[in-house]
PDB file of N, CA and C in Angstrom:
ATOM      1  N   UNK A   1    -107.401  20.724 -32.070  1.00  0.00           N
ATOM      2  CA  UNK A   1    -107.159  19.684 -31.091  1.00  0.00           C
ATOM      3  C   UNK A   1    -107.337  18.301 -31.697  1.00  0.00           C
ATOM      4  N   UNK A   2    -108.363  18.110 -32.534  1.00  0.00           N
ATOM      5  CA  UNK A   2    -108.601  16.794 -33.115  1.00  0.00           C
ATOM      6  C   UNK A   2    -107.522  16.423 -34.125  1.00  0.00           C
ATOM      7  N   UNK A   3    -106.893  17.415 -34.764  1.00  0.00           N
ATOM      8  CA  UNK A   3    -105.812  17.123 -35.721  1.00  0.00           C
ATOM      9  C   UNK A   3    -104.606  16.549 -34.990  1.00  0.00           C
ATOM     10  N   UNK A   4    -104.320  17.056 -33.814  1.00  0.00           N
ATOM     11  CA  UNK A   4    -103.192  16.541 -33.021  1.00  0.00           C
ATOM     12  C   UNK A   4    -103.494  15.120 -32.558  1.00  0.00           C
ATOM     13  N   UNK A   5    -104.705  14.852 -32.170  1.00  0.00           N
ATOM     14  CA  UNK A   5    -105.106  13.516 -31.739  1.00  0.00           C
ATOM     15  C   UNK A   5    -105.004  12.512 -32.888  1.00  0.00           C
ATOM     16  N   UNK A   6    -105.442  12.902 -34.071  1.00  0.00           N
ATOM     17  CA  UNK A   6    -105.346  12.022 -35.249  1.00  0.00           C
ATOM     18  C   UNK A   6    -103.889  11.759 -35.585  1.00  0.00           C
ATOM     19  N   UNK A   7    -103.038  12.771 -35.494  1.00  0.00           N
ATOM     20  CA  UNK A   7    -101.610  12.605 -35.757  1.00  0.00           C
ATOM     21  C   UNK A   7    -100.983  11.635 -34.764  1.00  0.00           C
ATOM     22  N   UNK A   8    -101.315  11.764 -33.483  1.00  0.00           N
ATOM     23  CA  UNK A   8    -100.787  10.853 -32.462  1.00  0.00           C
ATOM     24  C   UNK A   8    -101.259   9.425 -32.726  1.00  0.00           C
ATOM     25  N   UNK A   9    -102.525   9.241 -33.089  1.00  0.00           N
ATOM     26  CA  UNK A   9    -103.035   7.896 -33.404  1.00  0.00           C
ATOM     27  C   UNK A   9    -102.341   7.307 -34.625  1.00  0.00           C
ATOM     28  N   UNK A  10    -102.087   8.121 -35.640  1.00  0.00           N
ATOM     29  CA  UNK A  10    -101.396   7.627 -36.839  1.00  0.00           C
ATOM     30  C   UNK A  10     -99.972   7.203 -36.507  1.00  0.00           C
ATOM     31  N   UNK A  11     -99.284   7.986 -35.694  1.00  0.00           N
ATOM     32  CA  UNK A  11     -97.918   7.635 -35.293  1.00  0.00           C
ATOM     33  C   UNK A  11     -97.925   6.357 -34.463  1.00  0.00           C
ATOM     34  N   UNK A  12     -98.875   6.242 -33.553  1.00  0.00           N
ATOM     35  CA  UNK A  12     -98.992   5.045 -32.722  1.00  0.00           C
ATOM     36  C   UNK A  12     -99.284   3.812 -33.570  1.00  0.00           C
ATOM     37  N   UNK A  13    -100.206   3.926 -34.516  1.00  0.00           N
ATOM     38  CA  UNK A  13    -100.517   2.785 -35.388  1.00  0.00           C
ATOM     39  C   UNK A  13     -99.331   2.411 -36.278  1.00  0.00           C
ATOM     40  N   UNK A  14     -98.586   3.398 -36.770  1.00  0.00           N
ATOM     41  CA  UNK A  14     -97.392   3.114 -37.576  1.00  0.00           C
ATOM     42  C   UNK A  14     -96.347   2.386 -36.728  1.00  0.00           C
ATOM     43  N   UNK A  15     -96.159   2.831 -35.478  1.00  0.00           N
ATOM     44  CA  UNK A  15     -95.204   2.165 -34.588  1.00  0.00           C
ATOM     45  C   UNK A  15     -95.633   0.733 -34.304  1.00  0.00           C
ATOM     46  N   UNK A  16     -96.932   0.519 -34.076  1.00  0.00           N
ATOM     47  CA  UNK A  16     -97.430  -0.843 -33.848  1.00  0.00           C
ATOM     48  C   UNK A  16     -97.245  -1.721 -35.079  1.00  0.00           C
ATOM     49  N   UNK A  17     -97.467  -1.164 -36.253  1.00  0.00           N
ATOM     50  CA  UNK A  17     -97.281  -1.924 -37.486  1.00  0.00           C
ATOM     51  C   UNK A  17     -95.830  -2.348 -37.652  1.00  0.00           C
ATOM     52  N   UNK A  18     -94.876  -1.424 -37.439  1.00  0.00           N
ATOM     53  CA  UNK A  18     -93.463  -1.772 -37.555  1.00  0.00           C
ATOM     54  C   UNK A  18     -93.041  -2.765 -36.478  1.00  0.00           C
ATOM     55  N   UNK A  19     -93.594  -2.653 -35.289  1.00  0.00           N
ATOM     56  CA  UNK A  19     -93.282  -3.620 -34.230  1.00  0.00           C
ATOM     57  C   UNK A  19     -93.793  -5.006 -34.616  1.00  0.00           C
ATOM     58  N   UNK A  20     -94.986  -5.082 -35.177  1.00  0.00           N
ATOM     59  CA  UNK A  20     -95.536  -6.357 -35.613  1.00  0.00           C
ATOM     60  C   UNK A  20     -94.698  -6.968 -36.740  1.00  0.00           C
ATOM     61  N   UNK A  21     -94.316  -6.145 -37.713  1.00  0.00           N
ATOM     62  CA  UNK A  21     -93.478  -6.650 -38.808  1.00  0.00           C
ATOM     63  C   UNK A  21     -92.124  -7.134 -38.296  1.00  0.00           C
ATOM     64  N   UNK A  22     -91.529  -6.410 -37.377  1.00  0.00           N
ATOM     65  CA  UNK A  22     -90.256  -6.827 -36.798  1.00  0.00           C
ATOM     66  C   UNK A  22     -90.381  -8.141 -36.050  1.00  0.00           C
ATOM     67  N   UNK A  23     -91.436  -8.283 -35.259  1.00  0.00           N
ATOM     68  CA  UNK A  23     -91.674  -9.530 -34.528  1.00  0.00           C
ATOM     69  C   UNK A  23     -91.886 -10.695 -35.488  1.00  0.00           C
ATOM     70  N   UNK A  24     -92.644 -10.473 -36.572  1.00  0.00           N
ATOM     71  CA  UNK A  24     -92.901 -11.528 -37.557  1.00  0.00           C
ATOM     72  C   UNK A  24     -91.611 -11.972 -38.236  1.00  0.00           C
ATOM     73  N   UNK A  25     -90.793 -11.022 -38.658  1.00  0.00           N
ATOM     74  CA  UNK A  25     -89.524 -11.359 -39.318  1.00  0.00           C
ATOM     75  C   UNK A  25     -88.601 -12.082 -38.351  1.00  0.00           C
ATOM     76  N   UNK A  26     -88.538 -11.657 -37.103  1.00  0.00           N
ATOM     77  CA  UNK A  26     -87.706 -12.335 -36.113  1.00  0.00           C
ATOM     78  C   UNK A  26     -88.183 -13.770 -35.881  1.00  0.00           C
ATOM     79  N   UNK A  27     -89.484 -13.973 -35.789  1.00  0.00           N
ATOM     80  CA  UNK A  27     -90.034 -15.315 -35.577  1.00  0.00           C
ATOM     81  C   UNK A  27     -89.714 -16.223 -36.754  1.00  0.00           C
ATOM     82  N   UNK A  28     -89.874 -15.728 -37.973  1.00  0.00           N
ATOM     83  CA  UNK A  28     -89.540 -16.529 -39.152  1.00  0.00           C
ATOM     84  C   UNK A  28     -88.052 -16.864 -39.193  1.00  0.00           C
ATOM     85  N   UNK A  29     -87.210 -15.898 -38.883  1.00  0.00           N
ATOM     86  CA  UNK A  29     -85.770 -16.131 -38.873  1.00  0.00           C
ATOM     87  C   UNK A  29     -85.385 -17.187 -37.838  1.00  0.00           C
ATOM     88  N   UNK A  30     -85.993 -17.106 -36.645  1.00  0.00           N
ATOM     89  CA  UNK A  30     -85.700 -18.086 -35.591  1.00  0.00           C
ATOM     90  C   UNK A  30     -86.118 -19.496 -36.000  1.00  0.00           C
ATOM     91  N   UNK A  31     -87.297 -19.627 -36.633  1.00  0.00           N
ATOM     92  CA  UNK A  31     -87.760 -20.945 -37.072  1.00  0.00           C
ATOM     93  C   UNK A  31     -86.874 -21.500 -38.184  1.00  0.00           C
ATOM     94  N   UNK A  32     -86.449 -20.649 -39.108  1.00  0.00           N
ATOM     95  CA  UNK A  32     -85.545 -21.103 -40.163  1.00  0.00           C
ATOM     96  C   UNK A  32     -84.205 -21.550 -39.603  1.00  0.00           C
ATOM     97  N   UNK A  33     -83.712 -20.834 -38.618  1.00  0.00           N
ATOM     98  CA  UNK A  33     -82.443 -21.212 -37.992  1.00  0.00           C
ATOM     99  C   UNK A  33     -82.568 -22.562 -37.282  1.00  0.00           C
ATOM    100  N   UNK A  34     -83.671 -22.767 -36.562  1.00  0.00           N
ATOM    101  CA  UNK A  34     -83.882 -24.046 -35.879  1.00  0.00           C
ATOM    102  C   UNK A  34     -83.998 -25.186 -36.893  1.00  0.00           C
ATOM    103  N   UNK A  35     -84.678 -24.935 -38.010  1.00  0.00           N
ATOM    104  CA  UNK A  35     -84.819 -25.965 -39.044  1.00  0.00           C
ATOM    105  C   UNK A  35     -83.464 -26.287 -39.673  1.00  0.00           C
ATOM    106  N   UNK A  36     -82.631 -25.262 -39.888  1.00  0.00           N
ATOM    107  CA  UNK A  36     -81.300 -25.493 -40.450  1.00  0.00           C
ATOM    108  C   UNK A  36     -80.443 -26.326 -39.505  1.00  0.00           C
ATOM    109  N   UNK A  37     -80.538 -26.068 -38.224  1.00  0.00           N
ATOM    110  CA  UNK A  37     -79.783 -26.858 -37.244  1.00  0.00           C
ATOM    111  C   UNK A  37     -80.283 -28.297 -37.244  1.00  0.00           C
ATOM    112  N   UNK A  38     -81.587 -28.484 -37.327  1.00  0.00           N
ATOM    113  CA  UNK A  38     -82.144 -29.844 -37.340  1.00  0.00           C
ATOM    114  C   UNK A  38     -81.726 -30.596 -38.595  1.00  0.00           C
ATOM    115  N   UNK A  39     -81.727 -29.926 -39.739  1.00  0.00           N
ATOM    116  CA  UNK A  39     -81.342 -30.586 -40.989  1.00  0.00           C
ATOM    117  C   UNK A  39     -79.861 -30.915 -40.990  1.00  0.00           C
ATOM    118  N   UNK A  40     -79.027 -30.011 -40.503  1.00  0.00           N
ATOM    119  CA  UNK A  40     -77.587 -30.268 -40.508  1.00  0.00           C
ATOM    120  C   UNK A  40     -77.218 -31.390 -39.539  1.00  0.00           C
ATOM    121  N   UNK A  41     -78.046 -31.648 -38.551  1.00  0.00           N
ATOM    122  CA  UNK A  41     -77.769 -32.713 -37.605  1.00  0.00           C
ATOM    123  C   UNK A  41     -78.180 -34.095 -38.091  1.00  0.00           C
ATOM    124  N   UNK A  42     -78.933 -34.139 -39.181  1.00  0.00           N
ATOM    125  CA  UNK A  42     -79.354 -35.441 -39.703  1.00  0.00           C
ATOM    126  C   UNK A  42     -78.177 -36.181 -40.309  1.00  0.00           C
ATOM    127  N   UNK A  43     -78.177 -37.465 -40.124  1.00  0.00           N
ATOM    128  CA  UNK A  43     -77.128 -38.298 -40.700  1.00  0.00           C
ATOM    129  C   UNK A  43     -77.693 -39.092 -41.869  1.00  0.00           C
ATOM    130  N   UNK A  44     -76.816 -39.410 -42.785  1.00  0.00           N
ATOM    131  CA  UNK A  44     -77.218 -40.204 -43.940  1.00  0.00           C
ATOM    132  C   UNK A  44     -77.388 -41.652 -43.481  1.00  0.00           C
ATOM    133  N   UNK A  45     -78.541 -42.257 -43.763  1.00  0.00           N
ATOM    134  CA  UNK A  45     -78.708 -43.658 -43.372  1.00  0.00           C
ATOM    135  C   UNK A  45     -77.789 -44.542 -44.211  1.00  0.00           C
ATOM    136  N   UNK A  46     -77.269 -45.601 -43.634  1.00  0.00           N
ATOM    137  CA  UNK A  46     -76.339 -46.446 -44.386  1.00  0.00           C
ATOM    138  C   UNK A  46     -77.034 -47.153 -45.547  1.00  0.00           C
ATOM    139  N   UNK A  47     -76.292 -47.308 -46.631  1.00  0.00           N
ATOM    140  CA  UNK A  47     -76.755 -48.053 -47.804  1.00  0.00           C
ATOM    141  C   UNK A  47     -76.083 -49.418 -47.760  1.00  0.00           C
ATOM    142  N   UNK A  48     -76.871 -50.467 -47.618  1.00  0.00           N
ATOM    143  CA  UNK A  48     -76.356 -51.832 -47.548  1.00  0.00           C
ATOM    144  C   UNK A  48     -76.569 -52.515 -48.894  1.00  0.00           C
ATOM    145  N   UNK A  49     -75.474 -52.935 -49.529  1.00  0.00           N
ATOM    146  CA  UNK A  49     -75.545 -53.628 -50.809  1.00  0.00           C
ATOM    147  C   UNK A  49     -75.007 -55.039 -50.642  1.00  0.00           C
ATOM    148  N   UNK A  50     -75.769 -56.000 -51.110  1.00  0.00           N
ATOM    149  CA  UNK A  50     -75.322 -57.386 -51.091  1.00  0.00           C
ATOM    150  C   UNK A  50     -74.937 -57.768 -52.510  1.00  0.00           C
ATOM    151  N   UNK A  51     -73.681 -58.142 -52.683  1.00  0.00           N
ATOM    152  CA  UNK A  51     -73.140 -58.446 -54.011  1.00  0.00           C
ATOM    153  C   UNK A  51     -72.699 -59.899 -54.034  1.00  0.00           C
ATOM    154  N   UNK A  52     -73.054 -60.574 -55.102  1.00  0.00           N
ATOM    155  CA  UNK A  52     -72.678 -61.973 -55.280  1.00  0.00           C
ATOM    156  C   UNK A  52     -71.273 -62.028 -55.883  1.00  0.00           C
ATOM    157  N   UNK A  53     -70.318 -62.553 -55.124  1.00  0.00           N
ATOM    158  CA  UNK A  53     -68.946 -62.730 -55.590  1.00  0.00           C
ATOM    159  C   UNK A  53     -68.692 -64.224 -55.632  1.00  0.00           C
ATOM    160  N   UNK A  54     -68.590 -64.737 -56.853  1.00  0.00           N
ATOM    161  CA  UNK A  54     -68.483 -66.169 -57.110  1.00  0.00           C
ATOM    162  C   UNK A  54     -69.665 -66.879 -56.461  1.00  0.00           C
ATOM    163  N   UNK A  55     -69.468 -67.682 -55.443  1.00  0.00           N
ATOM    164  CA  UNK A  55     -70.578 -68.402 -54.826  1.00  0.00           C
ATOM    165  C   UNK A  55     -70.989 -67.825 -53.473  1.00  0.00           C
ATOM    166  N   UNK A  56     -70.359 -66.748 -53.056  1.00  0.00           N
ATOM    167  CA  UNK A  56     -70.681 -66.185 -51.744  1.00  0.00           C
ATOM    168  C   UNK A  56     -71.267 -64.789 -51.897  1.00  0.00           C
ATOM    169  N   UNK A  57     -72.155 -64.448 -50.983  1.00  0.00           N
ATOM    170  CA  UNK A  57     -72.758 -63.111 -50.970  1.00  0.00           C
ATOM    171  C   UNK A  57     -71.962 -62.227 -50.020  1.00  0.00           C
ATOM    172  N   UNK A  58     -71.545 -61.084 -50.522  1.00  0.00           N
ATOM    173  CA  UNK A  58     -70.757 -60.141 -49.731  1.00  0.00           C
ATOM    174  C   UNK A  58     -71.608 -58.895 -49.503  1.00  0.00           C
ATOM    175  N   UNK A  59     -71.738 -58.502 -48.235  1.00  0.00           N
ATOM    176  CA  UNK A  59     -72.531 -57.313 -47.912  1.00  0.00           C
ATOM    177  C   UNK A  59     -71.586 -56.148 -47.654  1.00  0.00           C
ATOM    178  N   UNK A  60     -71.841 -55.039 -48.356  1.00  0.00           N
ATOM    179  CA  UNK A  60     -71.038 -53.835 -48.194  1.00  0.00           C
ATOM    180  C   UNK A  60     -71.942 -52.711 -47.709  1.00  0.00           C
ATOM    181  N   UNK A  61     -71.449 -51.923 -46.775  1.00  0.00           N
ATOM    182  CA  UNK A  61     -72.209 -50.817 -46.214  1.00  0.00           C
ATOM    183  C   UNK A  61     -71.522 -49.504 -46.567  1.00  0.00           C
ATOM    184  N   UNK A  62     -72.312 -48.530 -47.057  1.00  0.00           N
ATOM    185  CA  UNK A  62     -71.794 -47.224 -47.441  1.00  0.00           C
ATOM    186  C   UNK A  62     -72.536 -46.148 -46.651  1.00  0.00           C
ATOM    187  N   UNK A  63     -71.790 -45.158 -46.168  1.00  0.00           N
ATOM    188  CA  UNK A  63     -72.391 -44.050 -45.420  1.00  0.00           C
ATOM    189  C   UNK A  63     -72.073 -42.707 -46.071  1.00  0.00           C
ATOM    190  N   UNK A  64     -71.729 -42.723 -47.342  1.00  0.00           N
ATOM    191  CA  UNK A  64     -71.463 -41.491 -48.089  1.00  0.00           C
ATOM    192  C   UNK A  64     -72.710 -41.135 -48.892  1.00  0.00           C
ATOM    193  N   UNK A  65     -72.871 -39.865 -49.292  1.00  0.00           N
ATOM    194  CA  UNK A  65     -74.096 -39.471 -49.996  1.00  0.00           C
ATOM    195  C   UNK A  65     -74.176 -39.936 -51.447  1.00  0.00           C
ATOM    196  N   UNK A  66     -73.080 -40.478 -51.989  1.00  0.00           N
ATOM    197  CA  UNK A  66     -73.117 -40.926 -53.377  1.00  0.00           C
ATOM    198  C   UNK A  66     -72.236 -42.163 -53.540  1.00  0.00           C
ATOM    199  N   UNK A  67     -72.802 -43.211 -54.158  1.00  0.00           N
ATOM    200  CA  UNK A  67     -72.080 -44.464 -54.384  1.00  0.00           C
ATOM    201  C   UNK A  67     -72.235 -44.828 -55.856  1.00  0.00           C
ATOM    202  N   UNK A  68     -71.090 -45.065 -56.532  1.00  0.00           N
ATOM    203  CA  UNK A  68     -71.099 -45.422 -57.951  1.00  0.00           C
ATOM    204  C   UNK A  68     -70.712 -46.886 -58.082  1.00  0.00           C
ATOM    205  N   UNK A  69     -71.496 -47.636 -58.878  1.00  0.00           N
ATOM    206  CA  UNK A  69     -71.224 -49.046 -59.130  1.00  0.00           C
ATOM    207  C   UNK A  69     -70.804 -49.229 -60.577  1.00  0.00           C
ATOM    208  N   UNK A  70     -69.876 -50.125 -60.810  1.00  0.00           N
ATOM    209  CA  UNK A  70     -69.451 -50.418 -62.169  1.00  0.00           C
ATOM    210  C   UNK A  70     -68.177 -51.248 -62.186  1.00  0.00           C
ATOM    211  N   UNK A  71     -67.650 -51.502 -63.413  1.00  0.00           N
ATOM    212  CA  UNK A  71     -66.427 -52.293 -63.558  1.00  0.00           C
ATOM    213  C   UNK A  71     -65.166 -51.470 -63.409  1.00  0.00           C
ATOM    214  N   UNK A  72     -65.270 -50.153 -63.548  1.00  0.00           N
ATOM    215  CA  UNK A  72     -64.099 -49.283 -63.478  1.00  0.00           C
ATOM    216  C   UNK A  72     -63.497 -49.307 -62.070  1.00  0.00           C
ATOM    217  N   UNK A  73     -62.169 -49.223 -62.003  1.00  0.00           N
ATOM    218  CA  UNK A  73     -61.492 -49.264 -60.701  1.00  0.00           C
ATOM    219  C   UNK A  73     -61.766 -48.023 -59.856  1.00  0.00           C
ATOM    220  N   UNK A  74     -62.230 -46.943 -60.470  1.00  0.00           N
ATOM    221  CA  UNK A  74     -62.514 -45.721 -59.710  1.00  0.00           C
ATOM    222  C   UNK A  74     -63.894 -45.737 -59.064  1.00  0.00           C
ATOM    223  N   UNK A  75     -64.702 -46.735 -59.354  1.00  0.00           N
ATOM    224  CA  UNK A  75     -66.041 -46.843 -58.766  1.00  0.00           C
ATOM    225  C   UNK A  75     -65.936 -47.206 -57.288  1.00  0.00           C
ATOM    226  N   UNK A  76     -66.943 -46.826 -56.536  1.00  0.00           N
ATOM    227  CA  UNK A  76     -66.968 -47.157 -55.107  1.00  0.00           C
ATOM    228  C   UNK A  76     -67.167 -48.661 -54.905  1.00  0.00           C
ATOM    229  N   UNK A  77     -68.007 -49.251 -55.717  1.00  0.00           N
ATOM    230  CA  UNK A  77     -68.276 -50.686 -55.643  1.00  0.00           C
ATOM    231  C   UNK A  77     -67.925 -51.276 -57.008  1.00  0.00           C
ATOM    232  N   UNK A  78     -66.840 -52.016 -57.074  1.00  0.00           N
ATOM    233  CA  UNK A  78     -66.350 -52.581 -58.339  1.00  0.00           C
ATOM    234  C   UNK A  78     -66.977 -53.952 -58.539  1.00  0.00           C
ATOM    235  N   UNK A  79     -67.613 -54.131 -59.707  1.00  0.00           N
ATOM    236  CA  UNK A  79     -68.241 -55.394 -60.085  1.00  0.00           C
ATOM    237  C   UNK A  79     -67.453 -56.008 -61.222  1.00  0.00           C
ATOM    238  N   UNK A  80     -67.316 -57.325 -61.222  1.00  0.00           N
ATOM    239  CA  UNK A  80     -66.508 -57.988 -62.249  1.00  0.00           C
ATOM    240  C   UNK A  80     -67.354 -58.647 -63.329  1.00  0.00           C
ATOM    241  N   UNK A  81     -68.618 -58.404 -63.360  1.00  0.00           N
ATOM    242  CA  UNK A  81     -69.509 -58.998 -64.354  1.00  0.00           C
ATOM    243  C   UNK A  81     -69.345 -58.282 -65.696  1.00  0.00           C
ATOM    244  N   UNK A  82     -69.277 -59.040 -66.797  1.00  0.00           N
ATOM    245  CA  UNK A  82     -69.093 -58.471 -68.128  1.00  0.00           C
ATOM    246  C   UNK A  82     -70.332 -57.717 -68.619  1.00  0.00           C
ATOM    247  N   UNK A  83     -71.485 -57.984 -68.059  1.00  0.00           N
ATOM    248  CA  UNK A  83     -72.720 -57.313 -68.469  1.00  0.00           C
ATOM    249  C   UNK A  83     -72.772 -55.882 -67.927  1.00  0.00           C
ATOM    250  N   UNK A  84     -72.041 -55.617 -66.869  1.00  0.00           N
ATOM    251  CA  UNK A  84     -72.053 -54.317 -66.210  1.00  0.00           C
ATOM    252  C   UNK A  84     -71.112 -53.375 -66.958  1.00  0.00           C
ATOM    253  N   UNK A  85     -71.557 -52.129 -67.184  1.00  0.00           N
ATOM    254  CA  UNK A  85     -70.709 -51.148 -67.860  1.00  0.00           C
ATOM    255  C   UNK A  85     -69.658 -50.596 -66.895  1.00  0.00           C
ATOM    256  N   UNK A  86     -68.745 -49.801 -67.426  1.00  0.00           N
ATOM    257  CA  UNK A  86     -67.640 -49.281 -66.619  1.00  0.00           C
ATOM    258  C   UNK A  86     -68.161 -48.440 -65.456  1.00  0.00           C
ATOM    259  N   UNK A  87     -69.079 -47.541 -65.723  1.00  0.00           N
ATOM    260  CA  UNK A  87     -69.758 -46.773 -64.676  1.00  0.00           C
ATOM    261  C   UNK A  87     -71.240 -47.038 -64.881  1.00  0.00           C
ATOM    262  N   UNK A  88     -71.754 -48.030 -64.179  1.00  0.00           N
ATOM    263  CA  UNK A  88     -73.068 -48.580 -64.466  1.00  0.00           C
ATOM    264  C   UNK A  88     -74.200 -47.742 -63.873  1.00  0.00           C
ATOM    265  N   UNK A  89     -74.158 -47.487 -62.569  1.00  0.00           N
ATOM    266  CA  UNK A  89     -75.237 -46.727 -61.932  1.00  0.00           C
ATOM    267  C   UNK A  89     -74.723 -46.023 -60.695  1.00  0.00           C
ATOM    268  N   UNK A  90     -75.556 -45.099 -60.219  1.00  0.00           N
ATOM    269  CA  UNK A  90     -75.182 -44.305 -59.052  1.00  0.00           C
ATOM    270  C   UNK A  90     -76.358 -44.267 -58.073  1.00  0.00           C
ATOM    271  N   UNK A  91     -76.057 -44.501 -56.807  1.00  0.00           N
ATOM    272  CA  UNK A  91     -76.996 -44.262 -55.719  1.00  0.00           C
ATOM    273  C   UNK A  91     -76.631 -42.902 -55.132  1.00  0.00           C
ATOM    274  N   UNK A  92     -77.609 -42.008 -55.016  1.00  0.00           N
ATOM    275  CA  UNK A  92     -77.344 -40.715 -54.385  1.00  0.00           C
ATOM    276  C   UNK A  92     -78.440 -40.435 -53.365  1.00  0.00           C
ATOM    277  N   UNK A  93     -78.024 -39.844 -52.252  1.00  0.00           N
ATOM    278  CA  UNK A  93     -78.948 -39.550 -51.160  1.00  0.00           C
ATOM    279  C   UNK A  93     -79.229 -38.058 -51.132  1.00  0.00           C
ATOM    280  N   UNK A  94     -80.470 -37.686 -51.381  1.00  0.00           N
ATOM    281  CA  UNK A  94     -80.926 -36.314 -51.216  1.00  0.00           C
ATOM    282  C   UNK A  94     -82.436 -36.331 -51.037  1.00  0.00           C
ATOM    283  N   UNK A  95     -82.958 -35.275 -50.431  1.00  0.00           N
ATOM    284  CA  UNK A  95     -84.380 -35.153 -50.105  1.00  0.00           C
ATOM    285  C   UNK A  95     -84.853 -36.319 -49.227  1.00  0.00           C
ATOM    286  N   UNK A  96     -83.989 -36.751 -48.333  1.00  0.00           N
ATOM    287  CA  UNK A  96     -84.278 -37.828 -47.368  1.00  0.00           C
ATOM    288  C   UNK A  96     -84.570 -39.174 -48.012  1.00  0.00           C
ATOM    289  N   UNK A  97     -84.070 -39.419 -49.212  1.00  0.00           N
ATOM    290  CA  UNK A  97     -84.264 -40.699 -49.901  1.00  0.00           C
ATOM    291  C   UNK A  97     -83.014 -41.074 -50.676  1.00  0.00           C
ATOM    292  N   UNK A  98     -82.843 -42.377 -50.849  1.00  0.00           N
ATOM    293  CA  UNK A  98     -81.802 -42.869 -51.759  1.00  0.00           C
ATOM    294  C   UNK A  98     -82.401 -42.929 -53.153  1.00  0.00           C
ATOM    295  N   UNK A  99     -81.694 -42.386 -54.125  1.00  0.00           N
ATOM    296  CA  UNK A  99     -82.146 -42.348 -55.512  1.00  0.00           C
ATOM    297  C   UNK A  99     -81.192 -43.168 -56.371  1.00  0.00           C
ATOM    298  N   UNK A 100     -81.721 -43.837 -57.378  1.00  0.00           N
ATOM    299  CA  UNK A 100     -80.941 -44.668 -58.289  1.00  0.00           C
ATOM    300  C   UNK A 100     -80.940 -43.992 -59.654  1.00  0.00           C
ATOM    301  N   UNK A 101     -79.748 -43.869 -60.245  1.00  0.00           N
ATOM    302  CA  UNK A 101     -79.624 -43.168 -61.530  1.00  0.00           C
ATOM    303  C   UNK A 101     -78.697 -43.962 -62.451  1.00  0.00           C
ATOM    304  N   UNK A 102     -79.138 -44.153 -63.690  1.00  0.00           N
ATOM    305  CA  UNK A 102     -78.269 -44.777 -64.709  1.00  0.00           C
ATOM    306  C   UNK A 102     -77.199 -43.791 -65.131  1.00  0.00           C
ATOM    307  N   UNK A 103     -76.012 -44.305 -65.391  1.00  0.00           N
ATOM    308  CA  UNK A 103     -74.937 -43.437 -65.881  1.00  0.00           C
ATOM    309  C   UNK A 103     -74.623 -43.712 -67.332  1.00  0.00           C
TER     310      UNK A 103
END
């Protein structure tokens, strides 16, 4: 009689363990899904650059995740200064910050 009781308790404990593991995995999955929705809904904050063109200051606003500055015509922000290289630097937005990188 006691062997049957021990077997029933072992089966019950195994079922409870699997139920707990299933609940834990479901909870983690739900939180990850909510976090993914929150991250995908974030917008990139605008990057405002003030550039001196002759004697006037021109303000340009960018809302893309990457902005390249330089003298080359393919750059997002073209500068006419001879000191600036063709592809001078890049602003990139990741990890909730704007980062500056030399090219």
